[in-house]
Amino acid sequence: MKKAIEDNLKVLVGLPWWAIGRMVDLVWLEFGQWHRVRTFRGNWKVVGDWALHLQCSWRIGGPQGLLVASDDRFCPAGDPGKAPKKWKWDTGPTRFDERVKSLLPETAEGFGVVQKARGNRFRGVQLKLTNGLMIEIFPSDTLDREGDEPWRFFQPSRKSNHFVVTTQGIRR
């Protein structure tokens, strides 16, 4: 598992990480050069050379400590003790949305350039970036359900195989 993860993610070394976003509970990270592509509905969107889609636990830290983490998606922006009435985590705004905007200042090289990509036998990933940033991805349950997909790595808008880490192993 560790070797397969590292063999696939090594293409990120030397590439900038320049985007993070979410749709409901899925978080995406974009790496490399950005490209403008058409969606299946005919609209335009911007994607990177490579993307990680996360549906498991993750965190991003820097020299000053933890910057943003997966559970921030489920907390309201601002004072968590004063959630607006009828607030829903899936539409936000969330603490994730707020922290991504304020704590990850974008530079000419994106948020940082990937220096190392490490995997582990527990299906996890650690990406070390310039600027002292660290992205850690760690599936955090032991459920073995068909179709579960903690994370996937792929080239957006290209017809290529996806590297999919599931609860039952790796799927391409």
C-alpha atoms as a PDB file:
ATOM      1  CA  MET A   1       0.000   0.000   0.000  1.00  0.00           C
ATOM      2  CA  LYS A   2       2.726   2.464   1.015  1.00  0.00           C
ATOM      3  CA  LYS A   3       4.769   1.833  -2.136  1.00  0.00           C
ATOM      4  CA  ALA A   4       1.745   2.084  -4.455  1.00  0.00           C
ATOM      5  CA  ILE A   5       0.731   5.409  -2.893  1.00  0.00           C
ATOM      6  CA  GLU A   6       4.246   6.831  -3.136  1.00  0.00           C
ATOM      7  CA  ASP A   7       4.750   5.569  -6.709  1.00  0.00           C
ATOM      8  CA  ASN A   8       1.567   7.327  -7.829  1.00  0.00           C
ATOM      9  CA  LEU A   9       1.953  10.576  -5.889  1.00  0.00           C
ATOM     10  CA  LYS A  10       5.644  11.157  -6.721  1.00  0.00           C
ATOM     11  CA  VAL A  11       4.545  13.135  -9.815  1.00  0.00           C
ATOM     12  CA  LEU A  12       3.493  15.916  -7.428  1.00  0.00           C
ATOM     13  CA  VAL A  13       7.046  16.601  -6.254  1.00  0.00           C
ATOM     14  CA  GLY A  14       8.113  19.969  -7.646  1.00  0.00           C
ATOM     15  CA  LEU A  15       4.572  21.049  -8.512  1.00  0.00           C
ATOM     16  CA  PRO A  16       2.666  23.913  -6.890  1.00  0.00           C
ATOM     17  CA  TRP A  17      -0.476  23.344  -4.869  1.00  0.00           C
ATOM     18  CA  TRP A  18      -2.752  26.181  -5.915  1.00  0.00           C
ATOM     19  CA  ALA A  19      -6.381  25.370  -5.090  1.00  0.00           C
ATOM     20  CA  ILE A  20      -8.547  23.921  -2.344  1.00  0.00           C
ATOM     21  CA  GLY A  21     -12.314  23.799  -2.314  1.00  0.00           C
ATOM     22  CA  ARG A  22     -15.292  21.716  -1.393  1.00  0.00           C
ATOM     23  CA  MET A  23     -18.632  20.476  -2.591  1.00  0.00           C
ATOM     24  CA  VAL A  24     -20.708  19.270   0.334  1.00  0.00           C
ATOM     25  CA  ASP A  25     -18.309  16.872   2.159  1.00  0.00           C
ATOM     26  CA  LEU A  26     -15.842  16.289  -0.711  1.00  0.00           C
ATOM     27  CA  VAL A  27     -12.703  18.428  -0.578  1.00  0.00           C
ATOM     28  CA  TRP A  28     -10.465  18.867  -3.609  1.00  0.00           C
ATOM     29  CA  LEU A  29      -6.844  19.944  -3.908  1.00  0.00           C
ATOM     30  CA  GLU A  30      -5.372  20.990  -7.279  1.00  0.00           C
ATOM     31  CA  PHE A  31      -1.677  20.737  -8.214  1.00  0.00           C
ATOM     32  CA  GLY A  32       0.525  21.678 -11.178  1.00  0.00           C
ATOM     33  CA  GLN A  33      -0.418  24.040 -13.963  1.00  0.00           C
ATOM     34  CA  TRP A  34      -4.010  25.139 -14.254  1.00  0.00           C
ATOM     35  CA  HIS A  35      -6.115  24.573 -17.338  1.00  0.00           C
ATOM     36  CA  ARG A  36      -9.443  25.971 -18.461  1.00  0.00           C
ATOM     37  CA  VAL A  37     -11.745  23.147 -19.573  1.00  0.00           C
ATOM     38  CA  ARG A  38     -15.394  22.695 -20.485  1.00  0.00           C
ATOM     39  CA  THR A  39     -17.714  20.825 -18.155  1.00  0.00           C
ATOM     40  CA  PHE A  40     -20.177  18.258 -19.434  1.00  0.00           C
ATOM     41  CA  ARG A  41     -22.810  21.033 -19.290  1.00  0.00           C
ATOM     42  CA  GLY A  42     -20.756  23.257 -21.572  1.00  0.00           C
ATOM     43  CA  ASN A  43     -19.575  25.710 -18.902  1.00  0.00           C
ATOM     44  CA  TRP A  44     -15.932  26.569 -18.249  1.00  0.00           C
ATOM     45  CA  LYS A  45     -13.963  25.632 -15.138  1.00  0.00           C
ATOM     46  CA  VAL A  46     -10.319  25.696 -14.093  1.00  0.00           C
ATOM     47  CA  VAL A  47      -8.552  22.463 -13.109  1.00  0.00           C
ATOM     48  CA  GLY A  48      -4.989  21.492 -12.316  1.00  0.00           C
ATOM     49  CA  ASP A  49      -2.707  18.923 -13.877  1.00  0.00           C
ATOM     50  CA  TRP A  50      -3.466  16.712 -10.880  1.00  0.00           C
ATOM     51  CA  ALA A  51      -6.203  16.569  -8.247  1.00  0.00           C
ATOM     52  CA  LEU A  52      -6.779  14.852  -4.945  1.00  0.00           C
ATOM     53  CA  HIS A  53     -10.408  14.328  -3.925  1.00  0.00           C
ATOM     54  CA  LEU A  54     -10.803  13.668  -0.204  1.00  0.00           C
ATOM     55  CA  GLN A  55     -13.720  12.131   1.627  1.00  0.00           C
ATOM     56  CA  CYS A  56     -11.844  11.087   4.741  1.00  0.00           C
ATOM     57  CA  SER A  57     -10.052  12.881   7.547  1.00  0.00           C
ATOM     58  CA  TRP A  58      -7.288  15.313   6.612  1.00  0.00           C
ATOM     59  CA  ARG A  59      -5.498  18.331   8.022  1.00  0.00           C
ATOM     60  CA  ILE A  60      -3.237  21.104   6.819  1.00  0.00           C
ATOM     61  CA  GLY A  61      -0.680  22.572   9.173  1.00  0.00           C
ATOM     62  CA  GLY A  62       2.109  25.087   9.019  1.00  0.00           C
ATOM     63  CA  PRO A  63       4.826  26.564  11.209  1.00  0.00           C
ATOM     64  CA  GLN A  64       2.193  28.208  13.428  1.00  0.00           C
ATOM     65  CA  GLY A  65       0.169  25.009  13.926  1.00  0.00           C
ATOM     66  CA  LEU A  66      -3.019  23.554  12.509  1.00  0.00           C
ATOM     67  CA  LEU A  67      -4.555  25.783   9.799  1.00  0.00           C
ATOM     68  CA  VAL A  68      -7.623  23.908   8.590  1.00  0.00           C
ATOM     69  CA  ALA A  69      -8.937  20.363   8.996  1.00  0.00           C
ATOM     70  CA  SER A  70     -11.656  18.065   7.711  1.00  0.00           C
ATOM     71  CA  ASP A  71     -14.121  18.593  10.567  1.00  0.00           C
ATOM     72  CA  ASP A  72     -14.109  22.367   9.895  1.00  0.00           C
ATOM     73  CA  ARG A  73     -16.593  21.530   7.095  1.00  0.00           C
ATOM     74  CA  PHE A  74     -19.206  20.726   9.738  1.00  0.00           C
ATOM     75  CA  CYS A  75     -18.886  23.919  11.840  1.00  0.00           C
ATOM     76  CA  PRO A  76     -20.424  27.289  11.036  1.00  0.00           C
ATOM     77  CA  ALA A  77     -18.158  30.197  10.112  1.00  0.00           C
ATOM     78  CA  GLY A  78     -17.459  32.696  12.881  1.00  0.00           C
ATOM     79  CA  ASP A  79     -18.316  31.899  16.476  1.00  0.00           C
ATOM     80  CA  PRO A  80     -19.341  28.219  16.560  1.00  0.00           C
ATOM     81  CA  GLY A  81     -21.470  28.927  19.641  1.00  0.00           C
ATOM     82  CA  LYS A  82     -23.642  31.303  17.631  1.00  0.00           C
ATOM     83  CA  ALA A  83     -24.668  29.307  14.574  1.00  0.00           C
ATOM     84  CA  PRO A  84     -27.282  31.102  12.493  1.00  0.00           C
ATOM     85  CA  LYS A  85     -30.786  29.658  12.674  1.00  0.00           C
ATOM     86  CA  LYS A  86     -31.412  27.092   9.965  1.00  0.00           C
ATOM     87  CA  TRP A  87     -27.655  26.861   9.248  1.00  0.00           C
ATOM     88  CA  LYS A  88     -26.696  23.694   7.357  1.00  0.00           C
ATOM     89  CA  TRP A  89     -23.151  22.420   7.071  1.00  0.00           C
ATOM     90  CA  ASP A  90     -23.602  21.299   3.465  1.00  0.00           C
ATOM     91  CA  THR A  91     -24.437  24.802   2.214  1.00  0.00           C
ATOM     92  CA  GLY A  92     -22.419  26.841   4.724  1.00  0.00           C
ATOM     93  CA  PRO A  93     -20.752  29.121   5.162  1.00  0.00           C
ATOM     94  CA  THR A  94     -18.491  26.871   7.211  1.00  0.00           C
ATOM     95  CA  ARG A  95     -15.371  27.239   9.273  1.00  0.00           C
ATOM     96  CA  PHE A  96     -13.578  25.440   6.403  1.00  0.00           C
ATOM     97  CA  ASP A  97     -14.662  28.139   3.932  1.00  0.00           C
ATOM     98  CA  GLU A  98     -13.570  30.883   6.334  1.00  0.00           C
ATOM     99  CA  ARG A  99     -10.200  29.378   7.275  1.00  0.00           C
ATOM    100  CA  VAL A 100      -9.206  28.487   3.726  1.00  0.00           C
ATOM    101  CA  LYS A 101      -9.697  32.130   2.710  1.00  0.00           C
ATOM    102  CA  SER A 102      -7.904  33.682   5.675  1.00  0.00           C
ATOM    103  CA  LEU A 103      -5.182  31.210   6.649  1.00  0.00           C
ATOM    104  CA  LEU A 104      -3.773  30.032   3.348  1.00  0.00           C
ATOM    105  CA  PRO A 105      -2.394  33.127   1.616  1.00  0.00           C
ATOM    106  CA  GLU A 106      -1.790  32.463  -2.045  1.00  0.00           C
ATOM    107  CA  THR A 107       1.613  33.358  -3.488  1.00  0.00           C
ATOM    108  CA  ALA A 108       3.067  33.263  -6.993  1.00  0.00           C
ATOM    109  CA  GLU A 109       3.856  29.577  -6.471  1.00  0.00           C
ATOM    110  CA  GLY A 110       0.393  28.800  -5.124  1.00  0.00           C
ATOM    111  CA  PHE A 111       0.169  27.806  -1.487  1.00  0.00           C
ATOM    112  CA  GLY A 112       3.522  26.031  -1.757  1.00  0.00           C
ATOM    113  CA  VAL A 113       5.433  23.532  -3.857  1.00  0.00           C
ATOM    114  CA  VAL A 114       5.343  19.823  -3.004  1.00  0.00           C
ATOM    115  CA  GLN A 115       8.755  18.700  -1.707  1.00  0.00           C
ATOM    116  CA  LYS A 116       7.913  15.152  -0.558  1.00  0.00           C
ATOM    117  CA  ALA A 117       5.025  12.733  -0.987  1.00  0.00           C
ATOM    118  CA  ARG A 118       4.861   9.883   1.508  1.00  0.00           C
ATOM    119  CA  GLY A 119       2.344   7.100   1.875  1.00  0.00           C
ATOM    120  CA  ASN A 120       1.746   4.669   4.699  1.00  0.00           C
ATOM    121  CA  ARG A 121       0.322   1.195   5.101  1.00  0.00           C
ATOM    122  CA  PHE A 122      -2.896   2.613   6.586  1.00  0.00           C
ATOM    123  CA  ARG A 123      -3.886   4.251   3.255  1.00  0.00           C
ATOM    124  CA  GLY A 124      -2.645   7.646   4.427  1.00  0.00           C
ATOM    125  CA  VAL A 125      -0.623  10.381   2.749  1.00  0.00           C
ATOM    126  CA  GLN A 126       1.714  13.109   3.915  1.00  0.00           C
ATOM    127  CA  LEU A 127       2.676  15.901   1.519  1.00  0.00           C
ATOM    128  CA  LYS A 128       5.455  18.209   2.665  1.00  0.00           C
ATOM    129  CA  LEU A 129       5.446  21.607   0.965  1.00  0.00           C
ATOM    130  CA  THR A 130       7.585  24.706   0.890  1.00  0.00           C
ATOM    131  CA  ASN A 131       6.502  27.470   3.282  1.00  0.00           C
ATOM    132  CA  GLY A 132       6.514  24.837   6.051  1.00  0.00           C
ATOM    133  CA  LEU A 133       3.098  23.498   5.068  1.00  0.00           C
ATOM    134  CA  MET A 134       2.079  19.879   5.541  1.00  0.00           C
ATOM    135  CA  ILE A 135      -1.005  18.144   4.133  1.00  0.00           C
ATOM    136  CA  GLU A 136      -1.950  14.926   5.903  1.00  0.00           C
ATOM    137  CA  ILE A 137      -4.653  12.559   4.679  1.00  0.00           C
ATOM    138  CA  PHE A 138      -5.677   9.748   6.980  1.00  0.00           C
ATOM    139  CA  PRO A 139      -8.662   7.453   6.542  1.00  0.00           C
ATOM    140  CA  SER A 140     -10.106   7.334  10.042  1.00  0.00           C
ATOM    141  CA  ASP A 141     -12.499   4.419  10.211  1.00  0.00           C
ATOM    142  CA  THR A 142     -12.219   0.650   9.955  1.00  0.00           C
ATOM    143  CA  LEU A 143     -15.491   0.087   8.121  1.00  0.00           C
ATOM    144  CA  ASP A 144     -15.173  -2.181   5.122  1.00  0.00           C
ATOM    145  CA  ARG A 145     -18.087  -1.175   2.917  1.00  0.00           C
ATOM    146  CA  GLU A 146     -18.108  -1.686  -0.823  1.00  0.00           C
ATOM    147  CA  GLY A 147     -18.022   1.641  -2.617  1.00  0.00           C
ATOM    148  CA  ASP A 148     -16.352   3.566   0.203  1.00  0.00           C
ATOM    149  CA  GLU A 149     -13.660   5.795  -1.177  1.00  0.00           C
ATOM    150  CA  PRO A 150     -11.540   7.773   1.315  1.00  0.00           C
ATOM    151  CA  TRP A 151      -9.558   9.487  -1.456  1.00  0.00           C
ATOM    152  CA  ARG A 152      -8.624   9.447  -5.122  1.00  0.00           C
ATOM    153  CA  PHE A 153      -5.818  10.928  -7.222  1.00  0.00           C
ATOM    154  CA  PHE A 154      -6.239  11.717 -10.921  1.00  0.00           C
ATOM    155  CA  GLN A 155      -5.761  14.081 -13.843  1.00  0.00           C
ATOM    156  CA  PRO A 156      -8.961  16.138 -14.139  1.00  0.00           C
ATOM    157  CA  SER A 157     -10.694  16.337 -17.512  1.00  0.00           C
ATOM    158  CA  ARG A 158      -8.399  13.706 -19.005  1.00  0.00           C
ATOM    159  CA  LYS A 159      -9.248  10.177 -19.975  1.00  0.00           C
ATOM    160  CA  SER A 160      -6.756   8.474 -17.729  1.00  0.00           C
ATOM    161  CA  ASN A 161      -6.945   5.977 -14.904  1.00  0.00           C
ATOM    162  CA  HIS A 162      -7.743   7.238 -11.436  1.00  0.00           C
ATOM    163  CA  PHE A 163      -5.769   5.972  -8.452  1.00  0.00           C
ATOM    164  CA  VAL A 164      -8.556   5.243  -5.987  1.00  0.00           C
ATOM    165  CA  VAL A 165      -7.913   4.261  -2.399  1.00  0.00           C
ATOM    166  CA  THR A 166     -10.857   2.324  -1.010  1.00  0.00           C
ATOM    167  CA  THR A 167     -11.554   0.560   2.252  1.00  0.00           C
ATOM    168  CA  GLN A 168     -10.836  -2.697   0.391  1.00  0.00           C
ATOM    169  CA  GLY A 169      -7.553  -1.663  -1.266  1.00  0.00           C
ATOM    170  CA  ILE A 170      -6.589   0.179  -4.421  1.00  0.00           C
ATOM    171  CA  ARG A 171      -8.769   0.458  -7.487  1.00  0.00           C
ATOM    172  CA  ARG A 172      -7.781   1.926 -10.864  1.00  0.00           C
END
